Amino acid sequence: MTPLKTLGLAALLKGVSASYDYIGLGYEPKSNVVDRLTIDLDQQSLSNLVGLQTTEGFADAERVYKDGGNSKSYAVIELDSGLSSAVAKGAPVSAMSVDGDAVTGVMYQDYSAGETNIKIQYDISDDATNHVKCKIGGLPMAEQVEGGCFQGGGEITIDNEAYTYNYNVQTDNQNGRTLRGFSTAAKKKMYDCENCPYPEHNAFFEYYGIHDYGDQWVSAALDGTAVSGFNNYNANFNSYGLEGRAEAAKKGSAYVNVHMYVIREFRDAIDDCKAGKFKDNDDAVLAWDEVSPFHSESVFVSLCRPRAEQHGGKLTDSCPPQF
């Protein structure tokens, strides 16, 4: 790590007491970012599915790309009667799981009294190998984990109030963080935000002419269609074979979607940092911490390492560290 990076980390982390040791990066996050870390499982699934080089594999890969499955898992339930009072984002929720065990979560957002359609984010642990016990989203059946999802109906406790609910375990367990979302949210998070536009994103926006250029590229590669709407380089994946489309999809997802978001998190950390208030910088610390899972455990690590070896490069210089 360069002296500049070391100084930056030291400034951000001073005065913060919590720590998490599940990321072996030579950098110890001060906030729980394990749910971000597991986005790499979506990337791995996409890579494996397009690697089959079958029509079915590409269709399955597109569902994973768009709907996720491993990161920020939440359930969308329907209450039989409306909320008795307003409930804030983060309020505790508990019910029984498909396996018959207790499962807990938190309210995904603020809700007003009387609302019946509710999103609940599942609680996570800091165990990166088993951080959440409900993973459905767009994953193929073989990769799904259903046992820790809320049962299909019954009693649920929301902010210490009991209700009854129903929902579909297969279709109503979704994900708030996806590989596609890194690109489709680019305008909001890298162009329209405070202190924006961020120059890295803006350079690509000016070249391609649209903000979600990464998603347009990956989606076209998965569908085998032509990219349309770019100011420059409208690639036509209809003329590519399955192998070429597979490489374009998985590298576009990792190198374009994820990596630009990594840079955005660095920018966000700087924006959140409050000068001279080292004990009032939790937002900045979280943004900086988020870089480590997004940058280091994406599949581009495993793509980069053999290429570095092949061309005589040092892994520590050529590739981000691996967990």
C-alpha atoms as a PDB file:
ATOM      1  CA  MET A   1       0.000   0.000   0.000  1.00  0.00           C
ATOM      2  CA  THR A   2       1.384   3.418  -0.916  1.00  0.00           C
ATOM      3  CA  PRO A   3       2.040   6.040   1.773  1.00  0.00           C
ATOM      4  CA  LEU A   4      -0.777   8.172   0.371  1.00  0.00           C
ATOM      5  CA  LYS A   5      -3.268   5.314   0.689  1.00  0.00           C
ATOM      6  CA  THR A   6      -2.005   4.546   4.188  1.00  0.00           C
ATOM      7  CA  LEU A   7      -2.473   8.149   5.257  1.00  0.00           C
ATOM      8  CA  GLY A   8      -5.946   8.254   3.749  1.00  0.00           C
ATOM      9  CA  LEU A   9      -7.030   5.152   5.620  1.00  0.00           C
ATOM     10  CA  ALA A  10      -5.521   6.368   8.870  1.00  0.00           C
ATOM     11  CA  ALA A  11      -7.392   9.651   8.650  1.00  0.00           C
ATOM     12  CA  LEU A  12     -10.706   7.989   7.922  1.00  0.00           C
ATOM     13  CA  LEU A  13     -10.396   5.289  10.555  1.00  0.00           C
ATOM     14  CA  LYS A  14      -9.099   7.348  13.462  1.00  0.00           C
ATOM     15  CA  GLY A  15     -11.513   7.226  16.384  1.00  0.00           C
ATOM     16  CA  VAL A  16     -13.595   4.333  15.046  1.00  0.00           C
ATOM     17  CA  SER A  17     -13.722   1.361  17.406  1.00  0.00           C
ATOM     18  CA  ALA A  18     -15.619  -1.439  15.648  1.00  0.00           C
ATOM     19  CA  SER A  19     -13.679  -3.819  13.417  1.00  0.00           C
ATOM     20  CA  TYR A  20     -14.282  -6.861  11.230  1.00  0.00           C
ATOM     21  CA  ASP A  21     -11.602  -9.387  10.387  1.00  0.00           C
ATOM     22  CA  TYR A  22     -13.239 -11.428   7.614  1.00  0.00           C
ATOM     23  CA  ILE A  23     -11.431  -9.642   4.787  1.00  0.00           C
ATOM     24  CA  GLY A  24      -7.786 -10.597   4.403  1.00  0.00           C
ATOM     25  CA  LEU A  25      -6.682  -7.578   2.405  1.00  0.00           C
ATOM     26  CA  GLY A  26      -3.994  -6.147   4.619  1.00  0.00           C
ATOM     27  CA  TYR A  27      -6.772  -3.654   5.385  1.00  0.00           C
ATOM     28  CA  GLU A  28      -9.225  -4.220   8.222  1.00  0.00           C
ATOM     29  CA  PRO A  29     -12.705  -2.792   7.578  1.00  0.00           C
ATOM     30  CA  LYS A  30     -14.265  -0.883  10.458  1.00  0.00           C
ATOM     31  CA  SER A  31     -17.828  -1.633   9.406  1.00  0.00           C
ATOM     32  CA  ASN A  32     -19.724  -4.774   8.433  1.00  0.00           C
ATOM     33  CA  VAL A  33     -19.502  -4.938   4.646  1.00  0.00           C
ATOM     34  CA  VAL A  34     -19.910  -8.699   4.281  1.00  0.00           C
ATOM     35  CA  ASP A  35     -23.220  -8.300   2.427  1.00  0.00           C
ATOM     36  CA  ARG A  36     -21.388  -6.233  -0.184  1.00  0.00           C
ATOM     37  CA  LEU A  37     -18.613  -8.803  -0.378  1.00  0.00           C
ATOM     38  CA  THR A  38     -21.003 -11.513  -1.534  1.00  0.00           C
ATOM     39  CA  ILE A  39     -21.915  -9.693  -4.748  1.00  0.00           C
ATOM     40  CA  ASP A  40     -18.934 -11.616  -6.140  1.00  0.00           C
ATOM     41  CA  LEU A  41     -21.075 -14.756  -5.906  1.00  0.00           C
ATOM     42  CA  ASP A  42     -23.447 -13.220  -8.443  1.00  0.00           C
ATOM     43  CA  GLN A  43     -20.494 -12.529 -10.704  1.00  0.00           C
ATOM     44  CA  GLN A  44     -19.209 -16.070 -10.246  1.00  0.00           C
ATOM     45  CA  SER A  45     -22.644 -17.489 -11.056  1.00  0.00           C
ATOM     46  CA  LEU A  46     -22.915 -15.347 -14.185  1.00  0.00           C
ATOM     47  CA  SER A  47     -19.454 -16.447 -15.314  1.00  0.00           C
ATOM     48  CA  ASN A  48     -20.209 -20.113 -14.748  1.00  0.00           C
ATOM     49  CA  LEU A  49     -23.541 -19.938 -16.564  1.00  0.00           C
ATOM     50  CA  VAL A  50     -22.268 -18.174 -19.681  1.00  0.00           C
ATOM     51  CA  GLY A  51     -19.322 -20.565 -19.565  1.00  0.00           C
ATOM     52  CA  LEU A  52     -21.742 -23.391 -20.381  1.00  0.00           C
ATOM     53  CA  GLN A  53     -22.145 -21.711 -23.784  1.00  0.00           C
ATOM     54  CA  THR A  54     -25.763 -22.758 -24.137  1.00  0.00           C
ATOM     55  CA  THR A  55     -28.906 -20.742 -24.803  1.00  0.00           C
ATOM     56  CA  GLU A  56     -30.305 -21.842 -21.448  1.00  0.00           C
ATOM     57  CA  GLY A  57     -27.110 -20.867 -19.675  1.00  0.00           C
ATOM     58  CA  PHE A  58     -27.228 -17.349 -21.095  1.00  0.00           C
ATOM     59  CA  ALA A  59     -30.890 -16.968 -20.081  1.00  0.00           C
ATOM     60  CA  ASP A  60     -30.057 -18.075 -16.532  1.00  0.00           C
ATOM     61  CA  ALA A  61     -27.055 -15.740 -16.448  1.00  0.00           C
ATOM     62  CA  GLU A  62     -29.239 -12.805 -17.470  1.00  0.00           C
ATOM     63  CA  ARG A  63     -31.605 -13.486 -14.561  1.00  0.00           C
ATOM     64  CA  VAL A  64     -28.682 -13.517 -12.129  1.00  0.00           C
ATOM     65  CA  TYR A  65     -27.287 -10.333 -13.659  1.00  0.00           C
ATOM     66  CA  LYS A  66     -30.600  -8.478 -13.433  1.00  0.00           C
ATOM     67  CA  ASP A  67     -32.177  -9.946 -10.283  1.00  0.00           C
ATOM     68  CA  GLY A  68     -29.172 -10.962  -8.167  1.00  0.00           C
ATOM     69  CA  GLY A  69     -29.518 -13.493  -5.387  1.00  0.00           C
ATOM     70  CA  ASN A  70     -26.572 -13.192  -3.025  1.00  0.00           C
ATOM     71  CA  SER A  71     -26.500  -9.590  -1.821  1.00  0.00           C
ATOM     72  CA  LYS A  72     -29.014  -7.472   0.125  1.00  0.00           C
ATOM     73  CA  SER A  73     -31.714 -10.161   0.282  1.00  0.00           C
ATOM     74  CA  TYR A  74     -35.213  -9.000   1.209  1.00  0.00           C
ATOM     75  CA  ALA A  75     -38.763 -10.354   1.269  1.00  0.00           C
ATOM     76  CA  VAL A  76     -41.848  -8.582  -0.067  1.00  0.00           C
ATOM     77  CA  ILE A  77     -44.804  -9.629   2.079  1.00  0.00           C
ATOM     78  CA  GLU A  78     -48.484  -8.726   2.144  1.00  0.00           C
ATOM     79  CA  LEU A  79     -49.993  -8.095   5.577  1.00  0.00           C
ATOM     80  CA  ASP A  80     -53.559  -9.267   6.112  1.00  0.00           C
ATOM     81  CA  SER A  81     -54.255  -5.951   7.860  1.00  0.00           C
ATOM     82  CA  GLY A  82     -52.394  -2.663   7.621  1.00  0.00           C
ATOM     83  CA  LEU A  83     -49.677  -1.471   9.962  1.00  0.00           C
ATOM     84  CA  SER A  84     -51.197  -0.133  13.173  1.00  0.00           C
ATOM     85  CA  SER A  85     -48.739   2.774  13.205  1.00  0.00           C
ATOM     86  CA  ALA A  86     -45.846   4.182  11.221  1.00  0.00           C
ATOM     87  CA  VAL A  87     -42.710   2.025  11.279  1.00  0.00           C
ATOM     88  CA  ALA A  88     -39.217   3.321  10.584  1.00  0.00           C
ATOM     89  CA  LYS A  89     -36.572   1.827   8.348  1.00  0.00           C
ATOM     90  CA  GLY A  90     -34.439  -0.567  10.379  1.00  0.00           C
ATOM     91  CA  ALA A  91     -37.192  -1.528  12.839  1.00  0.00           C
ATOM     92  CA  PRO A  92     -36.873  -5.179  13.954  1.00  0.00           C
ATOM     93  CA  VAL A  93     -38.900  -7.972  12.364  1.00  0.00           C
ATOM     94  CA  SER A  94     -39.148 -11.652  13.296  1.00  0.00           C
ATOM     95  CA  ALA A  95     -41.062 -14.694  12.040  1.00  0.00           C
ATOM     96  CA  MET A  96     -40.547 -18.402  11.367  1.00  0.00           C
ATOM     97  CA  SER A  97     -38.436 -19.701   8.507  1.00  0.00           C
ATOM     98  CA  VAL A  98     -39.227 -22.346   5.890  1.00  0.00           C
ATOM     99  CA  ASP A  99     -37.120 -24.736   7.984  1.00  0.00           C
ATOM    100  CA  GLY A 100     -39.147 -23.917  11.102  1.00  0.00           C
ATOM    101  CA  ASP A 101     -36.525 -21.795  12.843  1.00  0.00           C
ATOM    102  CA  ALA A 102     -36.722 -18.191  13.971  1.00  0.00           C
ATOM    103  CA  VAL A 103     -35.599 -15.699  11.323  1.00  0.00           C
ATOM    104  CA  THR A 104     -35.060 -11.992  11.847  1.00  0.00           C
ATOM    105  CA  GLY A 105     -34.746  -8.931   9.703  1.00  0.00           C
ATOM    106  CA  VAL A 106     -35.360  -5.192   9.560  1.00  0.00           C
ATOM    107  CA  MET A 107     -37.766  -2.934   7.735  1.00  0.00           C
ATOM    108  CA  TYR A 108     -36.307  -2.062   4.330  1.00  0.00           C
ATOM    109  CA  GLN A 109     -37.638   1.498   4.378  1.00  0.00           C
ATOM    110  CA  ASP A 110     -40.012   3.783   6.276  1.00  0.00           C
ATOM    111  CA  TYR A 111     -43.693   2.832   6.174  1.00  0.00           C
ATOM    112  CA  SER A 112     -46.844   4.727   7.090  1.00  0.00           C
ATOM    113  CA  ALA A 113     -49.720   3.419   9.187  1.00  0.00           C
ATOM    114  CA  GLY A 114     -52.151   1.310   7.160  1.00  0.00           C
ATOM    115  CA  GLU A 115     -49.656   0.055   4.571  1.00  0.00           C
ATOM    116  CA  THR A 116     -49.827  -3.650   3.773  1.00  0.00           C
ATOM    117  CA  ASN A 117     -47.148  -4.280   1.136  1.00  0.00           C
ATOM    118  CA  ILE A 118     -43.907  -4.448   3.088  1.00  0.00           C
ATOM    119  CA  LYS A 119     -40.241  -5.082   2.286  1.00  0.00           C
ATOM    120  CA  ILE A 120     -38.113  -6.735   4.960  1.00  0.00           C
ATOM    121  CA  GLN A 121     -34.360  -7.115   4.638  1.00  0.00           C
ATOM    122  CA  TYR A 122     -32.965 -10.294   6.166  1.00  0.00           C
ATOM    123  CA  ASP A 123     -30.428  -9.942   8.960  1.00  0.00           C
ATOM    124  CA  ILE A 124     -26.874 -10.921   8.091  1.00  0.00           C
ATOM    125  CA  SER A 125     -23.934 -12.281  10.033  1.00  0.00           C
ATOM    126  CA  ASP A 126     -20.273 -11.383   9.583  1.00  0.00           C
ATOM    127  CA  ASP A 127     -19.539 -14.909   8.320  1.00  0.00           C
ATOM    128  CA  ALA A 128     -18.807 -14.381   4.633  1.00  0.00           C
ATOM    129  CA  THR A 129     -19.337 -18.078   3.873  1.00  0.00           C
ATOM    130  CA  ASN A 130     -22.886 -18.116   5.283  1.00  0.00           C
ATOM    131  CA  HIS A 131     -23.949 -14.527   5.837  1.00  0.00           C
ATOM    132  CA  VAL A 132     -27.647 -14.934   5.010  1.00  0.00           C
ATOM    133  CA  LYS A 133     -29.817 -18.033   4.922  1.00  0.00           C
ATOM    134  CA  CYS A 134     -32.258 -16.856   2.253  1.00  0.00           C
ATOM    135  CA  LYS A 135     -30.916 -16.500  -1.280  1.00  0.00           C
ATOM    136  CA  ILE A 136     -33.430 -16.664  -4.129  1.00  0.00           C
ATOM    137  CA  GLY A 137     -33.562 -13.637  -6.451  1.00  0.00           C
ATOM    138  CA  GLY A 138     -32.628 -14.681  -9.970  1.00  0.00           C
ATOM    139  CA  LEU A 139     -30.439 -17.618  -8.977  1.00  0.00           C
ATOM    140  CA  PRO A 140     -30.826 -21.021 -10.650  1.00  0.00           C
ATOM    141  CA  MET A 141     -32.571 -23.552  -8.417  1.00  0.00           C
ATOM    142  CA  ALA A 142     -29.302 -25.362  -7.714  1.00  0.00           C
ATOM    143  CA  GLU A 143     -27.816 -22.206  -6.178  1.00  0.00           C
ATOM    144  CA  GLN A 144     -30.821 -21.100  -4.144  1.00  0.00           C
ATOM    145  CA  VAL A 145     -30.972 -21.242  -0.341  1.00  0.00           C
ATOM    146  CA  GLU A 146     -34.599 -21.346   0.787  1.00  0.00           C
ATOM    147  CA  GLY A 147     -34.498 -22.788   4.301  1.00  0.00           C
ATOM    148  CA  GLY A 148     -33.831 -19.471   6.033  1.00  0.00           C
ATOM    149  CA  CYS A 149     -36.517 -17.520   4.155  1.00  0.00           C
ATOM    150  CA  PHE A 150     -39.740 -16.476   5.848  1.00  0.00           C
ATOM    151  CA  GLN A 151     -42.435 -19.138   5.666  1.00  0.00           C
ATOM    152  CA  GLY A 152     -45.072 -18.663   2.976  1.00  0.00           C
ATOM    153  CA  GLY A 153     -47.473 -17.211   5.527  1.00  0.00           C
ATOM    154  CA  GLY A 154     -48.279 -17.020   9.213  1.00  0.00           C
ATOM    155  CA  GLU A 155     -47.534 -14.680  12.083  1.00  0.00           C
ATOM    156  CA  ILE A 156     -44.878 -12.007  11.928  1.00  0.00           C
ATOM    157  CA  THR A 157     -43.758  -9.473  14.520  1.00  0.00           C
ATOM    158  CA  ILE A 158     -42.941  -5.983  13.266  1.00  0.00           C
ATOM    159  CA  ASP A 159     -41.558  -3.462  15.744  1.00  0.00           C
ATOM    160  CA  ASN A 160     -43.049  -5.504  18.614  1.00  0.00           C
ATOM    161  CA  GLU A 161     -46.519  -5.685  17.003  1.00  0.00           C
ATOM    162  CA  ALA A 162     -47.958  -9.016  15.810  1.00  0.00           C
ATOM    163  CA  TYR A 163     -49.488  -9.350  12.325  1.00  0.00           C
ATOM    164  CA  THR A 164     -50.372 -12.120   9.886  1.00  0.00           C
ATOM    165  CA  TYR A 165     -49.029 -12.173   6.348  1.00  0.00           C
ATOM    166  CA  ASN A 166     -48.630 -14.147   3.138  1.00  0.00           C
ATOM    167  CA  TYR A 167     -46.171 -14.146   0.250  1.00  0.00           C
ATOM    168  CA  ASN A 168     -44.600 -16.419  -2.368  1.00  0.00           C
ATOM    169  CA  VAL A 169     -41.235 -17.768  -1.231  1.00  0.00           C
ATOM    170  CA  GLN A 170     -39.958 -18.210  -4.800  1.00  0.00           C
ATOM    171  CA  THR A 171     -41.041 -14.932  -6.380  1.00  0.00           C
ATOM    172  CA  ASP A 172     -41.148 -12.519  -3.440  1.00  0.00           C
ATOM    173  CA  ASN A 173     -37.615 -13.014  -2.141  1.00  0.00           C
ATOM    174  CA  GLN A 174     -35.599 -10.461  -4.054  1.00  0.00           C
ATOM    175  CA  ASN A 175     -32.325  -8.560  -3.881  1.00  0.00           C
ATOM    176  CA  GLY A 176     -31.553  -4.885  -3.508  1.00  0.00           C
ATOM    177  CA  ARG A 177     -28.003  -5.115  -4.825  1.00  0.00           C
ATOM    178  CA  THR A 178     -27.311  -6.520  -8.294  1.00  0.00           C
ATOM    179  CA  LEU A 179     -24.566  -6.395 -10.885  1.00  0.00           C
ATOM    180  CA  ARG A 180     -26.912  -4.567 -13.222  1.00  0.00           C
ATOM    181  CA  GLY A 181     -27.787  -2.018 -10.563  1.00  0.00           C
ATOM    182  CA  PHE A 182     -24.240  -0.712 -10.377  1.00  0.00           C
ATOM    183  CA  SER A 183     -24.750   0.630 -13.899  1.00  0.00           C
ATOM    184  CA  THR A 184     -28.435   1.574 -13.905  1.00  0.00           C
ATOM    185  CA  ALA A 185     -27.904   3.710 -10.782  1.00  0.00           C
ATOM    186  CA  ALA A 186     -24.890   5.502 -12.269  1.00  0.00           C
ATOM    187  CA  LYS A 187     -26.750   8.679 -13.225  1.00  0.00           C
ATOM    188  CA  LYS A 188     -28.169   9.088  -9.726  1.00  0.00           C
ATOM    189  CA  LYS A 189     -25.001   8.163  -7.849  1.00  0.00           C
ATOM    190  CA  MET A 190     -22.257   9.534 -10.098  1.00  0.00           C
ATOM    191  CA  TYR A 191     -23.810  12.372 -12.117  1.00  0.00           C
ATOM    192  CA  ASP A 192     -26.781  13.971 -10.327  1.00  0.00           C
ATOM    193  CA  CYS A 193     -25.429  13.663  -6.778  1.00  0.00           C
ATOM    194  CA  GLU A 194     -23.823  16.346  -4.611  1.00  0.00           C
ATOM    195  CA  ASN A 195     -20.274  17.190  -5.770  1.00  0.00           C
ATOM    196  CA  CYS A 196     -21.038  15.421  -9.050  1.00  0.00           C
ATOM    197  CA  PRO A 197     -20.509  14.655 -11.833  1.00  0.00           C
ATOM    198  CA  TYR A 198     -17.630  12.429 -10.833  1.00  0.00           C
ATOM    199  CA  PRO A 199     -14.966  12.824 -13.528  1.00  0.00           C
ATOM    200  CA  GLU A 200     -14.329   9.109 -14.106  1.00  0.00           C
ATOM    201  CA  HIS A 201     -17.962   8.358 -14.895  1.00  0.00           C
ATOM    202  CA  ASN A 202     -18.398  11.606 -16.787  1.00  0.00           C
ATOM    203  CA  ALA A 203     -15.594  10.741 -19.208  1.00  0.00           C
ATOM    204  CA  PHE A 204     -17.395   7.550 -20.234  1.00  0.00           C
ATOM    205  CA  PHE A 205     -20.770   9.299 -20.317  1.00  0.00           C
ATOM    206  CA  GLU A 206     -19.387  11.885 -22.725  1.00  0.00           C
ATOM    207  CA  TYR A 207     -17.931   9.132 -24.930  1.00  0.00           C
ATOM    208  CA  TYR A 208     -20.940   6.786 -25.025  1.00  0.00           C
ATOM    209  CA  GLY A 209     -23.657   9.402 -24.564  1.00  0.00           C
ATOM    210  CA  ILE A 210     -25.663   7.432 -21.983  1.00  0.00           C
ATOM    211  CA  HIS A 211     -25.144   6.814 -18.285  1.00  0.00           C
ATOM    212  CA  ASP A 212     -25.951   3.098 -18.193  1.00  0.00           C
ATOM    213  CA  TYR A 213     -23.485   2.192 -20.946  1.00  0.00           C
ATOM    214  CA  GLY A 214     -22.251  -0.778 -18.897  1.00  0.00           C
ATOM    215  CA  ASP A 215     -25.709  -2.298 -18.594  1.00  0.00           C
ATOM    216  CA  GLN A 216     -26.419  -1.717 -22.272  1.00  0.00           C
ATOM    217  CA  TRP A 217     -23.217  -3.574 -23.176  1.00  0.00           C
ATOM    218  CA  VAL A 218     -23.732  -6.531 -20.813  1.00  0.00           C
ATOM    219  CA  SER A 219     -27.435  -6.925 -21.610  1.00  0.00           C
ATOM    220  CA  ALA A 220     -26.759  -6.923 -25.356  1.00  0.00           C
ATOM    221  CA  ALA A 221     -23.985  -9.493 -24.918  1.00  0.00           C
ATOM    222  CA  LEU A 222     -26.292 -11.757 -22.920  1.00  0.00           C
ATOM    223  CA  ASP A 223     -29.171 -11.330 -25.389  1.00  0.00           C
ATOM    224  CA  GLY A 224     -27.031 -11.615 -28.512  1.00  0.00           C
ATOM    225  CA  THR A 225     -28.327  -8.308 -29.873  1.00  0.00           C
ATOM    226  CA  ALA A 226     -26.843  -5.021 -31.050  1.00  0.00           C
ATOM    227  CA  VAL A 227     -26.103  -2.190 -28.659  1.00  0.00           C
ATOM    228  CA  SER A 228     -28.084   0.883 -29.661  1.00  0.00           C
ATOM    229  CA  GLY A 229     -27.909   4.452 -28.450  1.00  0.00           C
ATOM    230  CA  PHE A 230     -24.142   4.807 -28.021  1.00  0.00           C
ATOM    231  CA  ASN A 231     -22.498   7.851 -29.555  1.00  0.00           C
ATOM    232  CA  ASN A 232     -19.516   5.627 -30.261  1.00  0.00           C
ATOM    233  CA  TYR A 233     -18.993   1.908 -30.795  1.00  0.00           C
ATOM    234  CA  ASN A 234     -22.416   0.280 -31.040  1.00  0.00           C
ATOM    235  CA  ALA A 235     -21.235  -3.318 -30.826  1.00  0.00           C
ATOM    236  CA  ASN A 236     -23.400  -5.933 -32.549  1.00  0.00           C
ATOM    237  CA  PHE A 237     -23.336  -9.143 -30.518  1.00  0.00           C
ATOM    238  CA  ASN A 238     -25.599 -10.836 -33.029  1.00  0.00           C
ATOM    239  CA  SER A 239     -22.436 -11.454 -35.042  1.00  0.00           C
ATOM    240  CA  TYR A 240     -20.574 -12.951 -32.077  1.00  0.00           C
ATOM    241  CA  GLY A 241     -20.472 -16.614 -31.134  1.00  0.00           C
ATOM    242  CA  LEU A 242     -21.367 -17.821 -27.650  1.00  0.00           C
ATOM    243  CA  GLU A 243     -17.756 -17.704 -26.511  1.00  0.00           C
ATOM    244  CA  GLY A 244     -17.337 -14.081 -27.553  1.00  0.00           C
ATOM    245  CA  ARG A 245     -20.636 -13.068 -25.977  1.00  0.00           C
ATOM    246  CA  ALA A 246     -19.666 -14.842 -22.756  1.00  0.00           C
ATOM    247  CA  GLU A 247     -16.387 -12.938 -22.514  1.00  0.00           C
ATOM    248  CA  ALA A 248     -18.086  -9.610 -23.269  1.00  0.00           C
ATOM    249  CA  ALA A 249     -20.786 -10.205 -20.655  1.00  0.00           C
ATOM    250  CA  LYS A 250     -18.631 -11.325 -17.757  1.00  0.00           C
ATOM    251  CA  LYS A 251     -15.861  -8.795 -18.358  1.00  0.00           C
ATOM    252  CA  GLY A 252     -18.346  -5.979 -18.919  1.00  0.00           C
ATOM    253  CA  SER A 253     -20.074  -6.788 -15.653  1.00  0.00           C
ATOM    254  CA  ALA A 254     -16.834  -6.922 -13.647  1.00  0.00           C
ATOM    255  CA  TYR A 255     -14.609  -4.370 -15.380  1.00  0.00           C
ATOM    256  CA  VAL A 256     -17.230  -1.804 -16.379  1.00  0.00           C
ATOM    257  CA  ASN A 257     -20.164  -2.022 -13.951  1.00  0.00           C
ATOM    258  CA  VAL A 258     -18.418  -3.040 -10.737  1.00  0.00           C
ATOM    259  CA  HIS A 259     -15.109  -1.275 -11.202  1.00  0.00           C
ATOM    260  CA  MET A 260     -16.681   2.119 -11.938  1.00  0.00           C
ATOM    261  CA  TYR A 261     -18.727   1.715  -8.758  1.00  0.00           C
ATOM    262  CA  VAL A 262     -15.507   1.012  -6.856  1.00  0.00           C
ATOM    263  CA  ILE A 263     -14.183   4.398  -7.964  1.00  0.00           C
ATOM    264  CA  ARG A 264     -17.500   5.953  -7.018  1.00  0.00           C
ATOM    265  CA  GLU A 265     -17.160   4.607  -3.454  1.00  0.00           C
ATOM    266  CA  PHE A 266     -13.768   6.284  -3.084  1.00  0.00           C
ATOM    267  CA  ARG A 267     -15.322   9.549  -4.241  1.00  0.00           C
ATOM    268  CA  ASP A 268     -18.265   9.070  -1.889  1.00  0.00           C
ATOM    269  CA  ALA A 269     -15.930   8.497   1.059  1.00  0.00           C
ATOM    270  CA  ILE A 270     -14.160  11.775   0.350  1.00  0.00           C
ATOM    271  CA  ASP A 271     -17.489  13.603   0.009  1.00  0.00           C
ATOM    272  CA  ASP A 272     -18.743  12.135   3.298  1.00  0.00           C
ATOM    273  CA  CYS A 273     -15.595  12.953   5.241  1.00  0.00           C
ATOM    274  CA  LYS A 274     -16.101  15.878   7.623  1.00  0.00           C
ATOM    275  CA  ALA A 275     -12.880  17.780   8.084  1.00  0.00           C
ATOM    276  CA  GLY A 276     -11.682  17.957  11.681  1.00  0.00           C
ATOM    277  CA  LYS A 277     -14.446  15.671  12.996  1.00  0.00           C
ATOM    278  CA  PHE A 278     -12.753  12.287  13.089  1.00  0.00           C
ATOM    279  CA  LYS A 279     -15.356  10.804  15.470  1.00  0.00           C
ATOM    280  CA  ASP A 280     -18.251  11.890  13.266  1.00  0.00           C
ATOM    281  CA  ASN A 281     -17.264  10.166  10.044  1.00  0.00           C
ATOM    282  CA  ASP A 282     -19.062   6.825  10.082  1.00  0.00           C
ATOM    283  CA  ASP A 283     -20.519   7.445   6.611  1.00  0.00           C
ATOM    284  CA  ALA A 284     -17.064   8.104   5.191  1.00  0.00           C
ATOM    285  CA  VAL A 285     -15.645   4.994   6.851  1.00  0.00           C
ATOM    286  CA  LEU A 286     -18.469   2.842   5.486  1.00  0.00           C
ATOM    287  CA  ALA A 287     -18.026   4.190   1.963  1.00  0.00           C
ATOM    288  CA  TRP A 288     -14.281   3.526   2.122  1.00  0.00           C
ATOM    289  CA  ASP A 289     -14.834   0.063   3.598  1.00  0.00           C
ATOM    290  CA  GLU A 290     -17.259  -0.785   0.793  1.00  0.00           C
ATOM    291  CA  VAL A 291     -14.431  -0.495  -1.706  1.00  0.00           C
ATOM    292  CA  SER A 292     -12.649  -3.565  -0.303  1.00  0.00           C
ATOM    293  CA  PRO A 293     -15.331  -6.182  -1.102  1.00  0.00           C
ATOM    294  CA  PHE A 294     -16.391  -4.629  -4.406  1.00  0.00           C
ATOM    295  CA  HIS A 295     -12.813  -4.252  -5.629  1.00  0.00           C
ATOM    296  CA  SER A 296     -11.025  -7.297  -4.274  1.00  0.00           C
ATOM    297  CA  GLU A 297     -13.473 -10.182  -4.448  1.00  0.00           C
ATOM    298  CA  SER A 298     -14.975  -9.611  -7.861  1.00  0.00           C
ATOM    299  CA  VAL A 299     -14.313 -12.274 -10.451  1.00  0.00           C
ATOM    300  CA  PHE A 300     -11.942  -9.941 -12.271  1.00  0.00           C
ATOM    301  CA  VAL A 301      -9.416 -11.002  -9.596  1.00  0.00           C
ATOM    302  CA  SER A 302      -9.432 -14.592 -10.832  1.00  0.00           C
ATOM    303  CA  LEU A 303      -9.348 -13.347 -14.430  1.00  0.00           C
ATOM    304  CA  CYS A 304      -6.445 -11.028 -13.721  1.00  0.00           C
ATOM    305  CA  ARG A 305      -4.163 -13.327 -11.767  1.00  0.00           C
ATOM    306  CA  PRO A 306      -3.478 -15.955 -14.460  1.00  0.00           C
ATOM    307  CA  ARG A 307      -2.975 -13.216 -17.038  1.00  0.00           C
ATOM    308  CA  ALA A 308      -0.434 -11.521 -14.778  1.00  0.00           C
ATOM    309  CA  GLU A 309       1.418 -14.807 -14.375  1.00  0.00           C
ATOM    310  CA  GLN A 310       1.284 -15.485 -18.109  1.00  0.00           C
ATOM    311  CA  HIS A 311       2.876 -12.147 -18.923  1.00  0.00           C
ATOM    312  CA  GLY A 312       5.424 -12.188 -16.116  1.00  0.00           C
ATOM    313  CA  GLY A 313       3.716  -9.616 -13.942  1.00  0.00           C
ATOM    314  CA  LYS A 314       3.815  -9.639 -10.172  1.00  0.00           C
ATOM    315  CA  LEU A 315       0.434 -10.544  -8.715  1.00  0.00           C
ATOM    316  CA  THR A 316       0.762  -7.966  -5.983  1.00  0.00           C
ATOM    317  CA  ASP A 317       1.397  -5.255  -8.578  1.00  0.00           C
ATOM    318  CA  SER A 318      -0.942  -6.376 -11.351  1.00  0.00           C
ATOM    319  CA  CYS A 319      -4.018  -7.574  -9.472  1.00  0.00           C
ATOM    320  CA  PRO A 320      -6.018  -6.623  -6.404  1.00  0.00           C
ATOM    321  CA  PRO A 321      -5.437  -8.944  -3.420  1.00  0.00           C
ATOM    322  CA  GLN A 322      -7.649 -11.984  -3.040  1.00  0.00           C
ATOM    323  CA  PHE A 323      -9.485 -12.979   0.132  1.00  0.00           C
END
